[in-house]
Amino acid sequence: MGDDCVACFCAGSSGCFTSAGCTWSGGSQYCGPFHISRPYWIDAGSPVREGGNPQSPNPFEECTTDYSCATRTIRSYMERFKQDCNGDGVIDCLDFALIHNQGGYGCRVPNPDSIPLYGTVRECMYPPIDARMQPRRTVIKKP
């Protein structure tokens, strides 16, 4: 999973607001610029922030709100669950968007375009032909 794909995930998840904290939605907590849930973080191997302590009171929140640790979490999760979710014969960032949004066991959906992150990542990774002449700029927002 390349840095460009990670940047598109960040843009699609939070507008890449790197100081995003944690929020609750539908009974689950989602943290950081990638809106990572605790089960996702656990499935990714429960990474800890660089120099962090896995025995700290909040290793999940500390990792997922740290851009570098959250990126490692996503890459680990994708390595574990990578598959061709959209049925196009390749495993790429679009598949990773579906895995990130739908989970490692539920990424095959009948209409991937109905998933907002999928559309955002597609537009970010594969802009229209006329836009490809312009360099891609990924903006990371800091407080």
N, C-alpha and C. Protein backbone atom coordinates (compact mmCIF):
# COMPACT_ATOMS: atom_id res chain seq x y z
N MET A 1 0.85 -1.17 0.00
CA MET A 1 0.00 0.00 0.00
C MET A 1 0.90 1.23 0.00
N GLY A 2 0.86 1.97 -1.09
CA GLY A 2 1.75 3.11 -1.25
C GLY A 2 1.31 4.34 -0.46
N ASP A 3 2.25 5.27 -0.35
CA ASP A 3 1.96 6.51 0.36
C ASP A 3 0.83 7.29 -0.29
N ASP A 4 0.73 7.23 -1.63
CA ASP A 4 -0.34 7.96 -2.30
C ASP A 4 -1.70 7.39 -1.92
N CYS A 5 -1.79 6.09 -1.79
CA CYS A 5 -3.04 5.46 -1.38
C CYS A 5 -3.37 5.85 0.06
N VAL A 6 -2.39 5.84 0.94
CA VAL A 6 -2.59 6.24 2.33
C VAL A 6 -3.10 7.68 2.38
N ALA A 7 -2.49 8.56 1.58
CA ALA A 7 -2.90 9.96 1.57
C ALA A 7 -4.35 10.11 1.09
N CYS A 8 -4.74 9.31 0.11
CA CYS A 8 -6.13 9.36 -0.37
C CYS A 8 -7.10 8.84 0.69
N PHE A 9 -6.70 7.82 1.44
CA PHE A 9 -7.51 7.33 2.55
C PHE A 9 -7.72 8.43 3.57
N CYS A 10 -6.63 9.11 3.90
CA CYS A 10 -6.68 10.17 4.90
C CYS A 10 -7.63 11.27 4.43
N ALA A 11 -7.49 11.67 3.18
CA ALA A 11 -8.36 12.71 2.62
C ALA A 11 -9.82 12.27 2.65
N GLY A 12 -10.07 11.03 2.31
CA GLY A 12 -11.43 10.53 2.26
C GLY A 12 -12.05 10.26 3.63
N SER A 13 -11.22 9.98 4.61
CA SER A 13 -11.72 9.65 5.94
C SER A 13 -12.05 10.88 6.78
N SER A 14 -11.16 11.88 6.72
CA SER A 14 -11.34 13.04 7.62
C SER A 14 -10.96 14.37 6.97
N GLY A 15 -10.67 14.35 5.68
CA GLY A 15 -10.09 15.55 5.08
C GLY A 15 -8.64 15.68 5.50
N CYS A 16 -8.10 14.60 6.01
CA CYS A 16 -6.74 14.49 6.54
C CYS A 16 -6.48 15.48 7.68
N PHE A 17 -7.44 15.54 8.56
CA PHE A 17 -7.31 16.36 9.76
C PHE A 17 -6.50 15.56 10.77
N THR A 18 -5.20 15.80 10.81
CA THR A 18 -4.30 14.94 11.59
C THR A 18 -4.46 15.08 13.09
N SER A 19 -5.13 16.10 13.56
CA SER A 19 -5.34 16.21 15.00
C SER A 19 -6.72 15.71 15.41
N ALA A 20 -7.36 14.94 14.50
CA ALA A 20 -8.68 14.37 14.82
C ALA A 20 -8.56 13.45 16.02
N GLY A 21 -9.46 13.60 16.95
CA GLY A 21 -9.48 12.73 18.13
C GLY A 21 -10.35 11.53 17.88
N CYS A 22 -11.14 11.16 18.87
CA CYS A 22 -12.02 10.01 18.77
C CYS A 22 -13.47 10.46 18.84
N THR A 23 -14.31 9.76 18.11
CA THR A 23 -15.75 10.03 18.12
C THR A 23 -16.48 8.71 18.24
N TRP A 24 -17.72 8.78 18.66
CA TRP A 24 -18.58 7.60 18.76
C TRP A 24 -19.64 7.67 17.69
N SER A 25 -19.89 6.55 17.04
CA SER A 25 -20.92 6.47 16.02
C SER A 25 -21.46 5.05 15.99
N GLY A 26 -22.76 4.91 16.09
CA GLY A 26 -23.37 3.58 16.03
C GLY A 26 -22.87 2.63 17.11
N GLY A 27 -22.51 3.17 18.26
CA GLY A 27 -22.04 2.34 19.36
C GLY A 27 -20.58 1.95 19.29
N SER A 28 -19.85 2.47 18.30
CA SER A 28 -18.42 2.17 18.16
C SER A 28 -17.61 3.45 18.20
N GLN A 29 -16.40 3.34 18.67
CA GLN A 29 -15.48 4.47 18.73
C GLN A 29 -14.57 4.44 17.51
N TYR A 30 -14.39 5.59 16.88
CA TYR A 30 -13.52 5.74 15.72
C TYR A 30 -12.54 6.86 16.01
N CYS A 31 -11.25 6.59 15.75
CA CYS A 31 -10.23 7.56 16.14
C CYS A 31 -9.30 7.94 15.01
N GLY A 32 -8.81 9.18 15.12
CA GLY A 32 -7.75 9.68 14.27
C GLY A 32 -8.18 10.08 12.88
N PRO A 33 -7.19 10.47 12.08
CA PRO A 33 -7.48 10.96 10.73
C PRO A 33 -8.03 9.90 9.79
N PHE A 34 -7.90 8.61 10.16
CA PHE A 34 -8.40 7.52 9.32
C PHE A 34 -9.68 6.89 9.89
N HIS A 35 -10.17 7.40 11.01
CA HIS A 35 -11.38 6.89 11.67
C HIS A 35 -11.29 5.37 11.87
N ILE A 36 -10.29 4.95 12.62
CA ILE A 36 -10.04 3.53 12.88
C ILE A 36 -10.79 3.09 14.14
N SER A 37 -11.45 1.95 14.06
CA SER A 37 -12.16 1.40 15.22
C SER A 37 -11.22 0.49 16.02
N ARG A 38 -11.61 0.23 17.26
CA ARG A 38 -10.81 -0.66 18.11
C ARG A 38 -10.71 -2.06 17.51
N PRO A 39 -11.80 -2.70 17.03
CA PRO A 39 -11.65 -4.04 16.44
C PRO A 39 -10.69 -4.05 15.22
N TYR A 40 -10.73 -3.01 14.42
CA TYR A 40 -9.83 -2.88 13.26
C TYR A 40 -8.39 -2.84 13.75
N TRP A 41 -8.14 -1.99 14.77
CA TRP A 41 -6.80 -1.85 15.34
C TRP A 41 -6.31 -3.19 15.91
N ILE A 42 -7.20 -3.92 16.58
CA ILE A 42 -6.84 -5.23 17.13
C ILE A 42 -6.51 -6.20 15.99
N ASP A 43 -7.36 -6.23 14.95
CA ASP A 43 -7.10 -7.10 13.79
C ASP A 43 -5.78 -6.76 13.10
N ALA A 44 -5.35 -5.51 13.23
CA ALA A 44 -4.08 -5.08 12.63
C ALA A 44 -2.88 -5.42 13.51
N GLY A 45 -3.13 -6.04 14.65
CA GLY A 45 -2.03 -6.45 15.54
C GLY A 45 -1.81 -5.53 16.72
N SER A 46 -2.72 -4.59 16.96
CA SER A 46 -2.64 -3.66 18.09
C SER A 46 -1.30 -2.92 18.16
N PRO A 47 -0.92 -2.26 17.06
CA PRO A 47 0.36 -1.54 17.10
C PRO A 47 0.34 -0.40 18.12
N VAL A 48 1.52 -0.02 18.58
CA VAL A 48 1.64 1.11 19.51
C VAL A 48 2.45 2.21 18.86
N ARG A 49 2.21 3.40 19.33
CA ARG A 49 2.92 4.57 18.84
C ARG A 49 4.42 4.39 19.06
N GLU A 50 5.22 4.94 18.18
CA GLU A 50 6.68 4.89 18.30
C GLU A 50 7.08 5.37 19.70
N GLY A 51 7.77 4.53 20.42
CA GLY A 51 8.17 4.87 21.78
C GLY A 51 7.05 4.69 22.79
N GLY A 52 5.90 4.19 22.32
CA GLY A 52 4.74 4.02 23.20
C GLY A 52 4.83 2.75 24.02
N ASN A 53 3.95 2.65 24.96
CA ASN A 53 3.90 1.52 25.86
C ASN A 53 2.61 0.75 25.63
N PRO A 54 2.69 -0.53 25.22
CA PRO A 54 1.46 -1.29 25.00
C PRO A 54 0.64 -1.47 26.27
N GLN A 55 1.24 -1.25 27.43
CA GLN A 55 0.52 -1.38 28.70
C GLN A 55 -0.06 -0.05 29.18
N SER A 56 0.07 0.99 28.36
CA SER A 56 -0.48 2.29 28.76
C SER A 56 -2.00 2.17 28.85
N PRO A 57 -2.67 3.10 29.52
CA PRO A 57 -4.12 3.01 29.67
C PRO A 57 -4.89 3.10 28.35
N ASN A 58 -4.33 3.76 27.35
CA ASN A 58 -5.06 3.98 26.10
C ASN A 58 -4.20 3.75 24.84
N PRO A 59 -3.61 2.57 24.66
CA PRO A 59 -2.75 2.39 23.49
C PRO A 59 -3.52 2.51 22.17
N PHE A 60 -4.79 2.13 22.15
CA PHE A 60 -5.60 2.25 20.94
C PHE A 60 -5.72 3.72 20.52
N GLU A 61 -6.16 4.57 21.44
CA GLU A 61 -6.32 5.98 21.12
C GLU A 61 -4.99 6.64 20.79
N GLU A 62 -3.93 6.29 21.54
CA GLU A 62 -2.62 6.88 21.30
C GLU A 62 -2.11 6.55 19.91
N CYS A 63 -2.33 5.32 19.47
CA CYS A 63 -1.85 4.91 18.14
C CYS A 63 -2.70 5.51 17.04
N THR A 64 -3.99 5.37 17.12
CA THR A 64 -4.85 5.75 16.00
C THR A 64 -4.96 7.25 15.81
N THR A 65 -4.60 8.03 16.82
CA THR A 65 -4.60 9.49 16.66
C THR A 65 -3.21 10.01 16.27
N ASP A 66 -2.25 9.12 16.16
CA ASP A 66 -0.90 9.46 15.71
C ASP A 66 -0.79 9.03 14.24
N TYR A 67 -0.52 9.98 13.35
CA TYR A 67 -0.54 9.70 11.91
C TYR A 67 0.35 8.52 11.53
N SER A 68 1.55 8.48 12.05
CA SER A 68 2.49 7.42 11.71
C SER A 68 2.01 6.05 12.19
N CYS A 69 1.55 5.98 13.41
CA CYS A 69 1.07 4.71 13.96
C CYS A 69 -0.23 4.28 13.27
N ALA A 70 -1.10 5.24 13.00
CA ALA A 70 -2.34 4.93 12.30
C ALA A 70 -2.05 4.39 10.90
N THR A 71 -1.05 4.95 10.24
CA THR A 71 -0.64 4.48 8.91
C THR A 71 -0.13 3.04 8.99
N ARG A 72 0.67 2.74 10.01
CA ARG A 72 1.14 1.37 10.20
C ARG A 72 -0.02 0.43 10.47
N THR A 73 -1.02 0.91 11.21
CA THR A 73 -2.21 0.11 11.50
C THR A 73 -2.92 -0.26 10.20
N ILE A 74 -3.14 0.73 9.35
CA ILE A 74 -3.84 0.49 8.09
C ILE A 74 -3.04 -0.47 7.21
N ARG A 75 -1.75 -0.25 7.10
CA ARG A 75 -0.93 -1.14 6.25
C ARG A 75 -0.95 -2.57 6.77
N SER A 76 -0.90 -2.74 8.07
CA SER A 76 -0.94 -4.08 8.65
C SER A 76 -2.30 -4.73 8.39
N TYR A 77 -3.36 -3.97 8.54
CA TYR A 77 -4.72 -4.49 8.30
C TYR A 77 -4.87 -4.90 6.84
N MET A 78 -4.38 -4.07 5.92
CA MET A 78 -4.49 -4.38 4.49
C MET A 78 -3.66 -5.60 4.13
N GLU A 79 -2.51 -5.74 4.73
CA GLU A 79 -1.68 -6.92 4.47
C GLU A 79 -2.42 -8.19 4.90
N ARG A 80 -3.11 -8.11 6.01
CA ARG A 80 -3.83 -9.26 6.52
C ARG A 80 -5.06 -9.61 5.66
N PHE A 81 -5.78 -8.60 5.19
CA PHE A 81 -7.06 -8.83 4.52
C PHE A 81 -7.06 -8.56 3.02
N LYS A 82 -5.90 -8.28 2.41
CA LYS A 82 -5.90 -7.89 1.00
C LYS A 82 -6.58 -8.93 0.11
N GLN A 83 -7.42 -8.42 -0.78
CA GLN A 83 -8.17 -9.25 -1.71
C GLN A 83 -8.78 -8.35 -2.78
N ASP A 84 -9.20 -8.95 -3.86
CA ASP A 84 -9.84 -8.21 -4.95
C ASP A 84 -11.32 -8.06 -4.63
N CYS A 85 -11.66 -6.97 -3.99
CA CYS A 85 -13.04 -6.75 -3.53
C CYS A 85 -13.98 -6.31 -4.64
N ASN A 86 -13.48 -5.57 -5.61
CA ASN A 86 -14.36 -5.04 -6.65
C ASN A 86 -14.40 -5.91 -7.91
N GLY A 87 -13.67 -7.03 -7.89
CA GLY A 87 -13.74 -7.99 -8.97
C GLY A 87 -13.11 -7.56 -10.28
N ASP A 88 -12.17 -6.61 -10.23
CA ASP A 88 -11.55 -6.16 -11.48
C ASP A 88 -10.26 -6.91 -11.82
N GLY A 89 -9.91 -7.92 -11.02
CA GLY A 89 -8.74 -8.75 -11.31
C GLY A 89 -7.43 -8.24 -10.75
N VAL A 90 -7.44 -7.11 -10.06
CA VAL A 90 -6.23 -6.59 -9.43
C VAL A 90 -6.56 -6.19 -7.99
N ILE A 91 -5.54 -6.22 -7.16
CA ILE A 91 -5.68 -5.73 -5.79
C ILE A 91 -4.98 -4.39 -5.73
N ASP A 92 -5.76 -3.33 -5.55
CA ASP A 92 -5.20 -1.99 -5.55
C ASP A 92 -5.87 -1.13 -4.48
N CYS A 93 -5.62 0.15 -4.55
CA CYS A 93 -6.11 1.08 -3.54
C CYS A 93 -7.64 1.09 -3.47
N LEU A 94 -8.31 0.84 -4.59
CA LEU A 94 -9.77 0.79 -4.56
C LEU A 94 -10.27 -0.38 -3.71
N ASP A 95 -9.59 -1.51 -3.82
CA ASP A 95 -9.93 -2.65 -2.97
C ASP A 95 -9.65 -2.32 -1.50
N PHE A 96 -8.53 -1.65 -1.26
CA PHE A 96 -8.19 -1.28 0.11
C PHE A 96 -9.23 -0.33 0.70
N ALA A 97 -9.80 0.56 -0.13
CA ALA A 97 -10.85 1.46 0.34
C ALA A 97 -12.07 0.67 0.80
N LEU A 98 -12.42 -0.35 0.04
CA LEU A 98 -13.56 -1.19 0.42
C LEU A 98 -13.26 -1.99 1.69
N ILE A 99 -12.05 -2.51 1.79
CA ILE A 99 -11.65 -3.25 2.99
C ILE A 99 -11.68 -2.33 4.21
N HIS A 100 -11.14 -1.13 4.05
CA HIS A 100 -11.10 -0.16 5.15
C HIS A 100 -12.52 0.19 5.62
N ASN A 101 -13.39 0.39 4.68
CA ASN A 101 -14.75 0.83 5.00
C ASN A 101 -15.67 -0.31 5.43
N GLN A 102 -15.57 -1.45 4.77
CA GLN A 102 -16.50 -2.55 4.99
C GLN A 102 -15.95 -3.66 5.89
N GLY A 103 -14.66 -3.61 6.14
CA GLY A 103 -14.03 -4.64 6.95
C GLY A 103 -13.43 -5.74 6.09
N GLY A 104 -12.53 -6.48 6.67
CA GLY A 104 -11.80 -7.51 5.94
C GLY A 104 -12.65 -8.67 5.46
N TYR A 105 -13.81 -8.87 6.05
CA TYR A 105 -14.66 -9.99 5.66
C TYR A 105 -15.89 -9.56 4.88
N GLY A 106 -16.08 -8.26 4.69
CA GLY A 106 -17.30 -7.80 4.03
C GLY A 106 -17.07 -6.82 2.91
N CYS A 107 -15.93 -6.92 2.25
CA CYS A 107 -15.58 -5.89 1.26
C CYS A 107 -16.24 -6.08 -0.10
N ARG A 108 -16.80 -7.24 -0.35
CA ARG A 108 -17.43 -7.47 -1.66
C ARG A 108 -18.88 -7.01 -1.59
N VAL A 109 -19.11 -5.84 -2.13
CA VAL A 109 -20.45 -5.24 -2.12
C VAL A 109 -20.96 -5.15 -3.55
N PRO A 110 -22.28 -5.20 -3.74
CA PRO A 110 -22.82 -5.19 -5.10
C PRO A 110 -22.56 -3.88 -5.84
N ASN A 111 -22.51 -2.76 -5.13
CA ASN A 111 -22.30 -1.47 -5.78
C ASN A 111 -21.23 -0.68 -5.03
N PRO A 112 -19.95 -0.90 -5.34
CA PRO A 112 -18.89 -0.20 -4.60
C PRO A 112 -19.00 1.32 -4.69
N ASP A 113 -19.58 1.82 -5.78
CA ASP A 113 -19.69 3.27 -5.92
C ASP A 113 -20.62 3.88 -4.88
N SER A 114 -21.40 3.05 -4.19
CA SER A 114 -22.28 3.57 -3.14
C SER A 114 -21.52 3.85 -1.85
N ILE A 115 -20.26 3.44 -1.78
CA ILE A 115 -19.42 3.66 -0.60
C ILE A 115 -18.66 4.97 -0.80
N PRO A 116 -18.92 5.99 -0.01
CA PRO A 116 -18.27 7.29 -0.23
C PRO A 116 -16.74 7.23 -0.28
N LEU A 117 -16.12 6.47 0.61
CA LEU A 117 -14.65 6.40 0.61
C LEU A 117 -14.13 5.83 -0.70
N TYR A 118 -14.84 4.86 -1.27
CA TYR A 118 -14.43 4.26 -2.55
C TYR A 118 -14.38 5.34 -3.64
N GLY A 119 -15.42 6.14 -3.73
CA GLY A 119 -15.46 7.20 -4.74
C GLY A 119 -14.38 8.24 -4.51
N THR A 120 -14.17 8.62 -3.27
CA THR A 120 -13.15 9.62 -2.95
C THR A 120 -11.76 9.10 -3.32
N VAL A 121 -11.49 7.85 -2.96
CA VAL A 121 -10.17 7.27 -3.27
C VAL A 121 -10.00 7.12 -4.79
N ARG A 122 -11.05 6.70 -5.48
CA ARG A 122 -10.97 6.57 -6.94
C ARG A 122 -10.63 7.92 -7.57
N GLU A 123 -11.30 8.97 -7.15
CA GLU A 123 -11.04 10.30 -7.72
C GLU A 123 -9.65 10.80 -7.36
N CYS A 124 -9.20 10.48 -6.16
CA CYS A 124 -7.88 10.91 -5.70
C CYS A 124 -6.77 10.15 -6.44
N MET A 125 -6.93 8.83 -6.55
CA MET A 125 -5.90 8.01 -7.17
C MET A 125 -5.92 8.06 -8.70
N TYR A 126 -7.10 8.17 -9.25
CA TYR A 126 -7.25 8.08 -10.70
C TYR A 126 -8.10 9.26 -11.20
N PRO A 127 -7.53 10.46 -11.16
CA PRO A 127 -8.30 11.63 -11.59
C PRO A 127 -8.63 11.54 -13.07
N PRO A 128 -9.65 12.31 -13.51
CA PRO A 128 -9.99 12.32 -14.94
C PRO A 128 -8.77 12.67 -15.79
N ILE A 129 -8.79 12.24 -17.04
CA ILE A 129 -7.65 12.42 -17.93
C ILE A 129 -7.13 13.85 -17.94
N ASP A 130 -8.00 14.85 -18.08
CA ASP A 130 -7.53 16.23 -18.16
C ASP A 130 -6.89 16.69 -16.85
N ALA A 131 -7.31 16.14 -15.72
CA ALA A 131 -6.72 16.51 -14.45
C ALA A 131 -5.37 15.83 -14.22
N ARG A 132 -5.07 14.77 -14.97
CA ARG A 132 -3.80 14.06 -14.78
C ARG A 132 -2.61 14.89 -15.22
N MET A 133 -2.86 15.92 -15.98
CA MET A 133 -1.77 16.77 -16.42
C MET A 133 -1.27 17.65 -15.27
N GLN A 134 -2.09 17.79 -14.25
CA GLN A 134 -1.73 18.60 -13.09
C GLN A 134 -1.10 17.69 -12.02
N PRO A 135 -0.07 18.18 -11.33
CA PRO A 135 0.49 17.36 -10.26
C PRO A 135 -0.53 17.18 -9.14
N ARG A 136 -0.57 15.98 -8.58
CA ARG A 136 -1.48 15.70 -7.47
C ARG A 136 -0.90 16.34 -6.22
N ARG A 137 -1.72 17.02 -5.48
CA ARG A 137 -1.30 17.64 -4.23
C ARG A 137 -2.15 17.07 -3.11
N THR A 138 -1.48 16.50 -2.15
CA THR A 138 -2.18 15.98 -0.99
C THR A 138 -1.96 16.95 0.14
N VAL A 139 -3.02 17.43 0.73
CA VAL A 139 -2.93 18.40 1.80
C VAL A 139 -3.20 17.69 3.11
N ILE A 140 -2.26 17.80 4.01
CA ILE A 140 -2.44 17.28 5.35
C ILE A 140 -2.70 18.47 6.27
N LYS A 141 -3.87 18.46 6.89
CA LYS A 141 -4.28 19.59 7.73
C LYS A 141 -3.76 19.39 9.14
N LYS A 142 -3.16 20.42 9.65
CA LYS A 142 -2.68 20.40 11.02
C LYS A 142 -3.43 21.48 11.78
N PRO A 143 -3.55 21.30 13.10
CA PRO A 143 -4.33 22.27 13.88
C PRO A 143 -3.76 23.67 13.80
